[in-house]
Amino acid sequence: MAGGLKLYNTLTRDKVDFEPIDPDNVRLYVCGPTVYDFAHIGNARPVIVFDVLYRLLRHVYGADKVTYVRNITDVDDKINARALRDFGGQIADGSMSLNEAIRAVTGPTESQFHADAASLGCLKPTHEPRATDNIAQMITIIQRLLDMGHAYVATGSEGHEVLFSTASMADYGMLSKRKLEDQQAGARVAVESHKMNPADFVLWKQSADTEPGWPAHFSFEGKAHPIYGRPGWHIECSAMSDRYLWEEIKDRLSPKAKAKPHQFDIHGGGLDLIFPHHENEIAQSCCAFDNDLMASVWMHNGFLQVEGRKMSKSEGNFVTINELLATETFGGRKWPGEVLRLAMLMTHYREPIDFSVKRLEEAERLLAKWPAGDAGETAPDASILEALSDDLNTVAAIQAVHALAQAANADPSKLSLFVASAALLGVAPKKAEVSDDLSAAVQALVDLRLEMLKAKNFAEADRIRDELGEKGIQLKDGKDKESGERVTTWEVKR
């Protein structure tokens, strides 16, 4: 990794040398799932992509020097409506808070997401905050925006709203490269009379008395504005990124990092989030804290299609991660998590991906050729680091990993190097759990086969190999480096 880590920055539209603000506190934020329903395969792509980035940053800077925040969005009108439907009585009589009702509604979905992410081989983030636990932080930022002239209170058709004033930010549109004047009347932006500008967006929205919401008290132009309501979508990520990547860790940051308050290193998400979500995050955070930047580097993964078509329920090709793992919905069979992960990484993260049965089968065939083992204290091969340090070039990294697998199959002494390298991608094959009795029985047959080969009784040797193969035991022949004699290792087929 002589050339250092290079990442494509959507903000500047070029590949840049990554230089963390504080190398002892590298900070990464990624937009997480809305836990209204089970995550689909498109949601899996950023989870996997940024897990690889997290692994790489941990390797380069140290596992204890990287903070990775991926939020849980549990503030959503559909979620609120379901909470009201299922627990409205308890909310009304005070026996259950709104947050508790939302937790009861979203708990199973959130748990399923965590199980899916684990099956895909993803490490847990350092923090995984829920939007409902950060309402106070959102209200604080909204008030800052009001105080600094970047927001205003207006009354729309559904009640009072606090809106962000896009015209108050000179470089609004810096991420998407959209000019504010292009979003005037006539553009595909709803023109609402209470907005100062058609592109202005909601920071806080009033809820009806019969709808779920949170109490908030704002001050604008010398008047108090109590608004029982709920936050807009964009404000949650401004609040959570600032809390966990600045407020709660600022005391341990370097002087250089403290001189850049409320800024962090990398913000990631899907390409579809560039506008309006990430653009509006930047607007909120930069204006609230009077900064030029929210994050130094913005990274976005490309779109996903399924079998050459846009994924949608109307197309009949909408598939969840859980359906791929646990049912025969896709391709008439279940798919292991490691196969799904490798298939995703076989396309560069910024390129569009066609998720297909053919690609999954290709990934499975490749994995079948890779040996399982332990890395021990072995470091990943330089070829893997070089590939990943070039804007997460997982395509080149997989090619390098496969070459190391072939070398390890021929020479067992190289196994740990392969495993360490594959682990940096999160695709190291796992050793199957084998009982002592089974291990002894298999080893006895392996030894017998070696004796048959020495005696040139190839028919019997082949019979033993085939018998073990039928029982899910894969044999791998090689040569001892010192004696030159045949050696045979085995593993349970994955």
Protein backbone atom coordinates (compact mmCIF):
# COMPACT_ATOMS: atom_id res chain seq x y z
CA MET A 1 0.00 0.00 0.00
CA ALA A 2 2.90 2.25 -0.83
CA GLY A 3 0.72 4.78 -2.61
CA GLY A 4 -1.72 5.18 0.29
CA LEU A 5 -5.52 4.91 0.29
CA LYS A 6 -7.37 6.58 -2.57
CA LEU A 7 -11.15 7.02 -2.58
CA TYR A 8 -13.55 8.47 -5.13
CA ASN A 9 -15.12 11.58 -3.63
CA THR A 10 -18.57 12.35 -5.02
CA LEU A 11 -18.22 15.91 -3.71
CA THR A 12 -15.22 16.67 -5.96
CA ARG A 13 -16.00 14.08 -8.65
CA ASP A 14 -12.47 12.65 -8.56
CA LYS A 15 -10.31 10.09 -6.82
CA VAL A 16 -8.49 11.64 -3.88
CA ASP A 17 -5.80 10.65 -1.41
CA PHE A 18 -7.57 9.87 1.83
CA GLU A 19 -6.12 11.84 4.72
CA PRO A 20 -8.13 11.48 7.92
CA ILE A 21 -8.58 14.60 10.01
CA ASP A 22 -7.20 12.65 12.98
CA PRO A 23 -5.45 9.34 12.11
CA ASP A 24 -6.03 8.15 15.68
CA ASN A 25 -9.78 8.75 15.35
CA VAL A 26 -10.96 7.91 11.83
CA ARG A 27 -14.69 8.59 11.54
CA LEU A 28 -17.18 6.97 9.14
CA TYR A 29 -20.96 7.47 8.87
CA VAL A 30 -23.26 5.41 6.62
CA CYS A 31 -27.01 5.78 6.17
CA GLY A 32 -28.69 2.65 7.50
CA PRO A 33 -32.07 0.99 6.94
CA THR A 34 -35.59 2.20 7.56
CA VAL A 35 -36.96 -0.62 9.69
CA TYR A 36 -40.51 -0.54 8.39
CA ASP A 37 -40.04 -3.78 6.45
CA PHE A 38 -37.38 -6.42 5.83
CA ALA A 39 -34.28 -5.18 3.99
CA HIS A 40 -34.14 -6.06 0.30
CA ILE A 41 -31.08 -7.11 -1.69
CA GLY A 42 -30.49 -3.52 -2.83
CA ASN A 43 -30.15 -2.51 0.83
CA ALA A 44 -27.49 -5.20 1.22
CA ARG A 45 -25.09 -3.51 -1.18
CA PRO A 46 -24.08 -0.51 0.98
CA VAL A 47 -24.02 -2.75 4.06
CA ILE A 48 -21.43 -4.99 2.37
CA VAL A 49 -19.48 -2.25 0.56
CA PHE A 50 -18.94 -0.11 3.62
CA ASP A 51 -18.15 -3.16 5.73
CA VAL A 52 -15.18 -3.73 3.41
CA LEU A 53 -14.17 -0.09 3.85
CA TYR A 54 -14.51 -0.45 7.63
CA ARG A 55 -12.29 -3.55 7.59
CA LEU A 56 -9.70 -1.76 5.48
CA LEU A 57 -9.65 1.33 7.70
CA ARG A 58 -9.28 -0.88 10.78
CA HIS A 59 -6.35 -2.67 9.18
CA VAL A 60 -4.60 0.53 8.10
CA TYR A 61 -5.21 2.70 11.18
CA GLY A 62 -5.93 0.16 13.92
CA ALA A 63 -9.15 -1.54 15.01
CA ASP A 64 -9.54 0.75 18.03
CA LYS A 65 -8.96 3.93 16.03
CA VAL A 66 -11.95 3.76 13.69
CA THR A 67 -15.49 4.81 14.66
CA TYR A 68 -18.18 3.52 12.34
CA VAL A 69 -21.74 4.82 12.77
CA ARG A 70 -24.66 3.33 10.82
CA ASN A 71 -28.05 4.62 11.87
CA ILE A 72 -31.42 2.95 12.20
CA THR A 73 -34.28 5.03 10.79
CA ASP A 74 -37.31 4.32 12.94
CA VAL A 75 -38.98 7.72 12.49
CA ASP A 76 -41.26 7.29 9.49
CA ASP A 77 -44.91 8.07 8.86
CA LYS A 78 -45.66 4.44 8.02
CA ILE A 79 -43.99 3.27 11.22
CA ASN A 80 -45.85 5.91 13.22
CA ALA A 81 -49.17 4.85 11.69
CA ARG A 82 -48.51 1.22 12.54
CA ALA A 83 -47.54 2.15 16.12
CA LEU A 84 -50.79 4.10 16.46
CA ARG A 85 -52.81 1.25 14.99
CA ASP A 86 -51.30 -1.42 17.24
CA PHE A 87 -50.67 0.53 20.44
CA GLY A 88 -52.81 3.66 20.19
CA GLY A 89 -54.73 2.85 23.34
CA GLN A 90 -51.58 2.37 25.43
CA ILE A 91 -50.06 5.56 24.03
CA ALA A 92 -53.25 7.48 24.86
CA ASP A 93 -53.51 6.25 28.45
CA GLY A 94 -49.79 6.79 29.10
CA SER A 95 -48.92 3.16 29.76
CA MET A 96 -46.63 3.16 26.73
CA SER A 97 -44.55 5.98 25.28
CA LEU A 98 -44.40 6.62 21.55
CA ASN A 99 -40.78 5.47 21.48
CA GLU A 100 -41.75 2.24 23.22
CA ALA A 101 -44.58 1.66 20.72
CA ILE A 102 -42.23 2.27 17.80
CA ARG A 103 -39.71 -0.11 19.33
CA ALA A 104 -42.39 -2.78 19.63
CA VAL A 105 -43.36 -2.28 15.98
CA THR A 106 -39.84 -2.15 14.56
CA GLY A 107 -38.08 -4.57 16.92
CA PRO A 108 -38.65 -7.72 14.84
CA THR A 109 -37.63 -5.95 11.62
CA GLU A 110 -34.51 -4.49 13.21
CA SER A 111 -33.56 -7.90 14.62
CA GLN A 112 -34.00 -9.45 11.18
CA PHE A 113 -31.75 -6.79 9.66
CA HIS A 114 -29.04 -7.57 12.20
CA ALA A 115 -29.35 -11.28 11.47
CA ASP A 116 -29.16 -10.58 7.72
CA ALA A 117 -26.07 -8.40 8.13
CA ALA A 118 -24.37 -11.08 10.23
CA SER A 119 -25.18 -13.73 7.61
CA LEU A 120 -23.57 -11.48 4.99
CA GLY A 121 -20.37 -11.51 7.04
CA CYS A 122 -20.58 -7.88 8.17
CA LEU A 123 -18.94 -6.57 11.32
CA LYS A 124 -21.08 -4.65 13.77
CA PRO A 125 -20.67 -0.87 13.56
CA THR A 126 -19.21 0.96 16.55
CA HIS A 127 -22.57 2.68 17.07
CA GLU A 128 -25.99 1.98 15.59
CA PRO A 129 -28.20 4.80 16.91
CA ARG A 130 -31.94 4.94 16.40
CA ALA A 131 -33.56 8.12 15.21
CA THR A 132 -36.13 7.93 18.03
CA ASP A 133 -33.30 8.17 20.58
CA ASN A 134 -32.02 11.40 19.05
CA ILE A 135 -35.12 13.60 18.82
CA ALA A 136 -33.67 16.09 21.31
CA GLN A 137 -30.50 16.45 19.23
CA MET A 138 -32.60 17.12 16.11
CA ILE A 139 -34.61 19.82 17.87
CA THR A 140 -31.39 21.50 19.03
CA ILE A 141 -29.97 21.66 15.50
CA ILE A 142 -33.27 22.96 14.10
CA GLN A 143 -33.27 25.77 16.66
CA ARG A 144 -29.68 26.65 15.70
CA LEU A 145 -30.79 26.94 12.08
CA LEU A 146 -33.67 29.20 13.09
CA ASP A 147 -31.34 31.38 15.16
CA MET A 148 -28.83 31.71 12.30
CA GLY A 149 -31.38 32.65 9.66
CA HIS A 150 -31.26 29.36 7.75
CA ALA A 151 -34.78 28.20 8.68
CA TYR A 152 -38.23 29.63 9.24
CA VAL A 153 -41.64 28.66 10.60
CA ALA A 154 -44.56 28.55 8.16
CA THR A 155 -48.06 27.16 8.05
CA GLY A 156 -48.94 24.71 5.31
CA SER A 157 -51.99 22.65 4.49
CA GLU A 158 -51.14 20.15 7.25
CA GLY A 159 -50.23 22.63 9.97
CA HIS A 160 -47.09 24.35 11.20
CA GLU A 161 -43.71 23.43 9.77
CA VAL A 162 -40.10 24.44 10.28
CA LEU A 163 -38.50 24.65 6.85
CA PHE A 164 -34.89 24.97 5.77
CA SER A 165 -34.29 28.05 3.62
CA THR A 166 -32.23 26.82 0.69
CA ALA A 167 -31.67 30.37 -0.58
CA SER A 168 -29.80 31.14 2.66
CA MET A 169 -26.96 28.82 1.63
CA ALA A 170 -24.82 30.23 -1.16
CA ASP A 171 -23.47 26.87 -2.31
CA TYR A 172 -26.58 24.75 -1.85
CA GLY A 173 -26.32 21.91 -4.39
CA MET A 174 -22.56 21.37 -3.97
CA LEU A 175 -22.90 17.57 -3.83
CA SER A 176 -25.46 16.92 -6.55
CA LYS A 177 -24.21 19.85 -8.70
CA ARG A 178 -27.80 21.08 -8.98
CA LYS A 179 -28.24 24.82 -9.11
CA LEU A 180 -30.96 26.29 -6.94
CA GLU A 181 -32.30 28.40 -9.79
CA ASP A 182 -32.94 25.21 -11.75
CA GLN A 183 -35.40 24.13 -9.06
CA GLN A 184 -37.79 27.05 -9.37
CA ALA A 185 -41.39 26.73 -10.52
CA GLY A 186 -41.58 24.56 -13.59
CA ALA A 187 -39.09 22.04 -12.26
CA ARG A 188 -40.22 18.78 -10.74
CA VAL A 189 -40.49 20.33 -7.29
CA ALA A 190 -43.85 20.86 -5.65
CA VAL A 191 -44.65 24.56 -5.47
CA GLU A 192 -46.32 25.24 -2.14
CA SER A 193 -47.40 28.74 -1.19
CA HIS A 194 -46.05 28.60 2.35
CA LYS A 195 -42.51 27.93 1.11
CA MET A 196 -40.14 30.80 0.44
CA ASN A 197 -38.50 28.68 -2.25
CA PRO A 198 -39.86 25.55 -3.96
CA ALA A 199 -36.73 23.62 -2.93
CA ASP A 200 -37.10 24.41 0.79
CA PHE A 201 -37.51 21.22 2.80
CA VAL A 202 -39.07 20.16 6.08
CA LEU A 203 -37.05 20.08 9.28
CA TRP A 204 -40.03 19.58 11.60
CA LYS A 205 -43.67 18.95 10.73
CA GLN A 206 -46.77 19.28 12.88
CA SER A 207 -48.71 16.12 13.66
CA ALA A 208 -52.47 16.06 14.06
CA ASP A 209 -53.81 15.42 17.55
CA THR A 210 -54.67 11.88 16.46
CA GLU A 211 -51.19 11.22 15.01
CA PRO A 212 -48.01 10.18 16.82
CA GLY A 213 -45.48 12.90 17.49
CA TRP A 214 -43.09 14.51 19.95
CA PRO A 215 -43.39 17.85 21.73
CA ALA A 216 -40.98 20.53 20.50
CA HIS A 217 -40.58 24.18 21.39
CA PHE A 218 -39.03 26.52 18.86
CA SER A 219 -38.35 30.25 18.90
CA PHE A 220 -38.50 32.28 15.69
CA GLU A 221 -38.47 36.07 15.22
CA GLY A 222 -39.01 36.61 18.91
CA LYS A 223 -42.07 34.38 19.15
CA ALA A 224 -42.48 30.96 20.76
CA HIS A 225 -43.66 28.17 18.49
CA PRO A 226 -44.58 24.95 20.31
CA ILE A 227 -45.11 22.31 17.62
CA TYR A 228 -46.20 18.81 18.50
CA GLY A 229 -44.90 16.86 15.53
CA ARG A 230 -42.12 14.78 14.01
CA PRO A 231 -38.79 15.47 12.30
CA GLY A 232 -38.13 15.54 8.58
CA TRP A 233 -36.08 12.69 7.12
CA HIS A 234 -32.82 14.56 6.51
CA ILE A 235 -32.31 16.08 9.95
CA GLU A 236 -31.88 12.72 11.67
CA CYS A 237 -28.54 11.97 10.01
CA SER A 238 -27.19 15.45 10.72
CA ALA A 239 -28.06 14.93 14.38
CA MET A 240 -26.75 11.39 14.76
CA SER A 241 -23.51 11.90 12.84
CA ASP A 242 -22.74 14.99 14.91
CA ARG A 243 -23.55 13.30 18.20
CA TYR A 244 -21.47 10.16 17.69
CA LEU A 245 -18.65 11.52 15.52
CA TRP A 246 -18.16 14.85 17.31
CA GLU A 247 -20.02 15.54 20.55
CA GLU A 248 -19.35 12.22 22.26
CA ILE A 249 -15.71 11.84 21.17
CA LYS A 250 -14.42 15.41 20.78
CA ASP A 251 -12.43 15.28 24.04
CA ARG A 252 -10.16 12.56 22.63
CA LEU A 253 -9.60 14.17 19.22
CA SER A 254 -6.33 15.75 18.15
CA PRO A 255 -5.86 19.54 18.16
CA LYS A 256 -6.16 19.49 14.36
CA ALA A 257 -9.52 17.70 14.59
CA LYS A 258 -10.74 20.03 17.33
CA ALA A 259 -9.95 22.92 15.00
CA LYS A 260 -12.49 21.41 12.59
CA PRO A 261 -15.51 21.01 14.88
CA HIS A 262 -18.55 19.04 13.73
CA GLN A 263 -16.68 17.59 10.71
CA PHE A 264 -15.75 13.97 10.08
CA ASP A 265 -13.93 11.91 7.47
CA ILE A 266 -16.28 9.80 5.33
CA HIS A 267 -20.02 9.73 4.70
CA GLY A 268 -21.39 6.82 2.66
CA GLY A 269 -24.63 5.58 1.16
CA GLY A 270 -26.35 4.61 -2.04
CA LEU A 271 -26.26 6.67 -5.23
CA ASP A 272 -29.98 7.36 -4.84
CA LEU A 273 -29.30 9.32 -1.64
CA ILE A 274 -27.14 12.03 -3.24
CA PHE A 275 -30.23 14.17 -3.83
CA PRO A 276 -32.11 15.15 -1.87
CA HIS A 277 -31.01 13.34 1.29
CA HIS A 278 -27.26 13.87 1.37
CA GLU A 279 -27.51 17.30 -0.23
CA ASN A 280 -29.86 18.38 2.52
CA GLU A 281 -27.74 16.81 5.23
CA ILE A 282 -24.85 18.98 4.06
CA ALA A 283 -27.08 22.06 4.04
CA GLN A 284 -28.30 21.45 7.60
CA SER A 285 -24.94 20.56 9.11
CA CYS A 286 -22.82 23.18 7.36
CA CYS A 287 -25.29 25.97 8.11
CA ALA A 288 -25.97 24.93 11.71
CA PHE A 289 -22.27 24.80 12.56
CA ASP A 290 -21.00 27.44 10.12
CA ASN A 291 -18.71 25.00 8.29
CA ASP A 292 -17.70 24.61 4.67
CA LEU A 293 -17.78 20.81 4.92
CA MET A 294 -19.79 18.19 6.79
CA ALA A 295 -17.63 15.23 5.69
CA SER A 296 -14.32 15.32 3.82
CA VAL A 297 -15.19 12.43 1.51
CA TRP A 298 -18.59 11.35 0.20
CA MET A 299 -18.84 7.80 -1.17
CA HIS A 300 -21.81 6.28 -3.02
CA ASN A 301 -22.42 2.75 -4.27
CA GLY A 302 -24.13 2.20 -7.64
CA PHE A 303 -27.62 0.98 -8.42
CA LEU A 304 -28.73 -2.66 -8.42
CA GLN A 305 -30.89 -4.49 -10.93
CA VAL A 306 -32.27 -8.00 -10.64
CA GLU A 307 -31.88 -10.21 -13.72
CA GLY A 308 -31.42 -7.15 -15.93
CA ARG A 309 -34.50 -5.26 -14.70
CA LYS A 310 -35.10 -2.60 -12.09
CA MET A 311 -36.17 -4.29 -8.88
CA SER A 312 -39.77 -3.57 -7.93
CA LYS A 313 -42.76 -5.41 -6.53
CA SER A 314 -44.71 -4.67 -9.71
CA GLU A 315 -42.00 -6.43 -11.75
CA GLY A 316 -42.25 -9.46 -9.49
CA ASN A 317 -38.49 -9.42 -8.85
CA PHE A 318 -38.46 -7.76 -5.42
CA VAL A 319 -36.50 -10.02 -3.08
CA THR A 320 -35.41 -9.52 0.52
CA ILE A 321 -32.10 -10.62 2.00
CA ASN A 322 -33.94 -13.05 4.25
CA GLU A 323 -35.77 -14.60 1.28
CA LEU A 324 -32.43 -15.23 -0.43
CA LEU A 325 -30.97 -16.78 2.71
CA ALA A 326 -33.90 -18.81 3.98
CA THR A 327 -36.28 -19.57 1.10
CA GLU A 328 -36.22 -20.91 -2.45
CA THR A 329 -37.72 -17.73 -3.90
CA PHE A 330 -34.70 -16.83 -6.06
CA GLY A 331 -33.39 -19.44 -8.46
CA GLY A 332 -35.34 -22.23 -6.78
CA ARG A 333 -32.94 -22.60 -3.85
CA LYS A 334 -31.46 -21.01 -0.74
CA TRP A 335 -28.20 -19.04 -1.01
CA PRO A 336 -25.47 -18.91 1.66
CA GLY A 337 -24.57 -15.47 2.95
CA GLU A 338 -20.95 -15.78 1.81
CA VAL A 339 -22.14 -16.40 -1.75
CA LEU A 340 -24.33 -13.29 -1.68
CA ARG A 341 -21.42 -11.24 -0.32
CA LEU A 342 -18.88 -12.43 -2.88
CA ALA A 343 -21.36 -11.92 -5.73
CA MET A 344 -21.81 -8.30 -4.64
CA LEU A 345 -18.07 -7.69 -4.45
CA MET A 346 -17.43 -9.13 -7.91
CA THR A 347 -18.63 -5.77 -9.29
CA HIS A 348 -16.88 -2.52 -8.34
CA TYR A 349 -18.98 -0.65 -5.81
CA ARG A 350 -19.49 2.44 -7.99
CA GLU A 351 -20.66 0.43 -11.00
CA PRO A 352 -24.25 -0.72 -11.52
CA ILE A 353 -24.72 -4.38 -10.65
CA ASP A 354 -26.97 -6.97 -12.24
CA PHE A 355 -27.88 -9.35 -9.44
CA SER A 356 -28.63 -12.68 -11.08
CA VAL A 357 -28.72 -16.42 -10.48
CA LYS A 358 -25.83 -16.74 -12.93
CA ARG A 359 -23.69 -14.37 -10.87
CA LEU A 360 -24.52 -16.22 -7.65
CA GLU A 361 -23.59 -19.55 -9.22
CA GLU A 362 -20.32 -18.05 -10.40
CA ALA A 363 -19.53 -16.83 -6.89
CA GLU A 364 -20.42 -20.21 -5.41
CA ARG A 365 -18.12 -22.05 -7.81
CA LEU A 366 -15.29 -19.71 -6.91
CA LEU A 367 -15.81 -20.17 -3.17
CA ALA A 368 -15.81 -23.95 -3.58
CA LYS A 369 -12.21 -23.73 -4.80
CA TRP A 370 -11.01 -21.81 -1.75
CA PRO A 371 -9.61 -23.66 1.27
CA ALA A 372 -10.71 -23.03 4.84
CA GLY A 373 -8.21 -22.41 7.60
CA ASP A 374 -6.86 -19.99 10.18
CA ALA A 375 -4.94 -16.80 9.54
CA GLY A 376 -3.17 -16.80 12.88
CA GLU A 377 -0.97 -13.70 13.08
CA THR A 378 -0.41 -13.56 9.32
CA ALA A 379 -1.01 -10.19 7.64
CA PRO A 380 -2.92 -9.85 4.35
CA ASP A 381 -0.90 -10.02 1.16
CA ALA A 382 0.29 -6.71 -0.31
CA SER A 383 -1.64 -7.39 -3.52
CA ILE A 384 -4.94 -7.26 -1.62
CA LEU A 385 -4.06 -4.03 0.14
CA GLU A 386 -2.96 -2.47 -3.14
CA ALA A 387 -6.25 -3.38 -4.83
CA LEU A 388 -8.50 -2.20 -1.99
CA SER A 389 -6.48 0.97 -1.54
CA ASP A 390 -7.39 1.90 -5.10
CA ASP A 391 -10.95 3.05 -4.32
CA LEU A 392 -12.01 -0.35 -2.96
CA ASN A 393 -11.19 -2.25 -6.15
CA THR A 394 -12.79 -5.47 -4.96
CA VAL A 395 -12.70 -6.95 -8.48
CA ALA A 396 -8.88 -6.87 -8.52
CA ALA A 397 -8.79 -7.93 -4.86
CA ILE A 398 -10.87 -11.04 -5.57
CA GLN A 399 -8.59 -11.97 -8.46
CA ALA A 400 -5.61 -11.65 -6.12
CA VAL A 401 -7.37 -13.69 -3.41
CA HIS A 402 -8.13 -16.44 -5.92
CA ALA A 403 -4.46 -16.62 -6.93
CA LEU A 404 -3.54 -16.97 -3.25
CA ALA A 405 -6.16 -19.73 -2.87
CA GLN A 406 -4.62 -21.65 -5.75
CA ALA A 407 -1.18 -21.29 -4.16
CA ALA A 408 -2.55 -22.46 -0.79
CA ASN A 409 -4.19 -25.50 -2.40
CA ALA A 410 -0.83 -26.47 -3.88
CA ASP A 411 1.17 -25.61 -0.78
CA PRO A 412 -0.61 -25.80 2.62
CA SER A 413 2.08 -23.59 4.18
CA LYS A 414 0.55 -20.66 2.28
CA LEU A 415 -2.92 -21.23 3.71
CA SER A 416 -2.68 -18.59 6.46
CA LEU A 417 -1.70 -15.91 3.92
CA PHE A 418 -4.74 -16.73 1.83
CA VAL A 419 -7.08 -16.71 4.83
CA ALA A 420 -5.75 -13.38 6.14
CA SER A 421 -6.15 -11.82 2.71
CA ALA A 422 -9.65 -13.19 2.15
CA ALA A 423 -10.65 -12.02 5.64
CA LEU A 424 -9.92 -8.41 4.68
CA LEU A 425 -12.74 -8.77 2.13
CA GLY A 426 -14.88 -10.68 4.62
CA VAL A 427 -14.91 -13.76 2.37
CA ALA A 428 -12.56 -16.14 4.19
CA PRO A 429 -14.17 -19.62 4.12
CA LYS A 430 -15.14 -20.85 7.56
CA LYS A 431 -13.95 -24.18 8.86
CA ALA A 432 -16.88 -26.49 9.48
CA GLU A 433 -17.37 -27.79 13.01
CA VAL A 434 -16.38 -31.46 13.05
CA SER A 435 -16.65 -33.84 16.00
CA ASP A 436 -13.56 -35.68 17.20
CA ASP A 437 -15.09 -39.03 16.23
CA LEU A 438 -15.88 -37.90 12.71
CA SER A 439 -12.45 -36.33 12.33
CA ALA A 440 -10.75 -39.56 13.38
CA ALA A 441 -12.89 -41.64 11.03
CA VAL A 442 -12.22 -39.37 8.06
CA GLN A 443 -8.49 -39.21 8.77
CA ALA A 444 -8.34 -43.02 8.91
CA LEU A 445 -9.88 -43.22 5.43
CA VAL A 446 -7.55 -40.49 4.14
CA ASP A 447 -4.54 -42.44 5.45
CA LEU A 448 -5.89 -45.64 3.89
CA ARG A 449 -6.29 -43.88 0.55
CA LEU A 450 -2.67 -42.71 0.68
CA GLU A 451 -1.60 -46.31 1.28
CA MET A 452 -3.68 -47.44 -1.71
CA LEU A 453 -2.04 -44.80 -3.90
CA LYS A 454 1.42 -45.92 -2.81
CA ALA A 455 0.42 -49.49 -3.69
CA LYS A 456 -0.88 -48.22 -7.07
CA ASN A 457 -4.33 -49.51 -6.21
CA PHE A 458 -5.92 -46.51 -7.89
CA ALA A 459 -9.37 -48.04 -8.14
CA GLU A 460 -9.63 -48.44 -4.37
CA ALA A 461 -8.13 -44.98 -3.80
CA ASP A 462 -10.77 -43.49 -6.10
CA ARG A 463 -13.51 -45.41 -4.34
CA ILE A 464 -12.48 -43.97 -0.97
CA ARG A 465 -12.32 -40.47 -2.42
CA ASP A 466 -15.78 -40.84 -3.95
CA GLU A 467 -17.21 -42.28 -0.75
CA LEU A 468 -15.93 -39.34 1.26
CA GLY A 469 -17.18 -36.93 -1.40
CA GLU A 470 -20.68 -38.33 -1.12
CA LYS A 471 -20.53 -37.62 2.61
CA GLY A 472 -19.54 -34.01 2.02
CA ILE A 473 -15.80 -34.44 2.61
CA GLN A 474 -13.55 -32.75 0.04
CA LEU A 475 -9.98 -34.00 -0.35
CA LYS A 476 -7.09 -31.84 -1.54
CA ASP A 477 -3.82 -33.43 -2.61
CA GLY A 478 -0.47 -31.68 -2.48
CA LYS A 479 3.22 -32.35 -1.91
CA ASP A 480 5.33 -32.03 1.21
CA LYS A 481 7.91 -29.29 0.52
CA GLU A 482 10.78 -31.15 2.17
CA SER A 483 10.13 -34.81 1.31
CA GLY A 484 8.25 -34.32 -1.92
CA GLU A 485 5.77 -36.99 -0.84
CA ARG A 486 2.04 -36.72 -1.45
CA VAL A 487 0.03 -35.20 1.39
CA THR A 488 -3.75 -34.99 1.59
CA THR A 489 -5.81 -32.46 3.51
CA TRP A 490 -9.58 -32.49 3.82
CA GLU A 491 -12.46 -30.27 4.76
CA VAL A 492 -16.21 -30.43 4.97
CA LYS A 493 -17.77 -28.99 1.81
CA ARG A 494 -19.54 -25.69 2.37
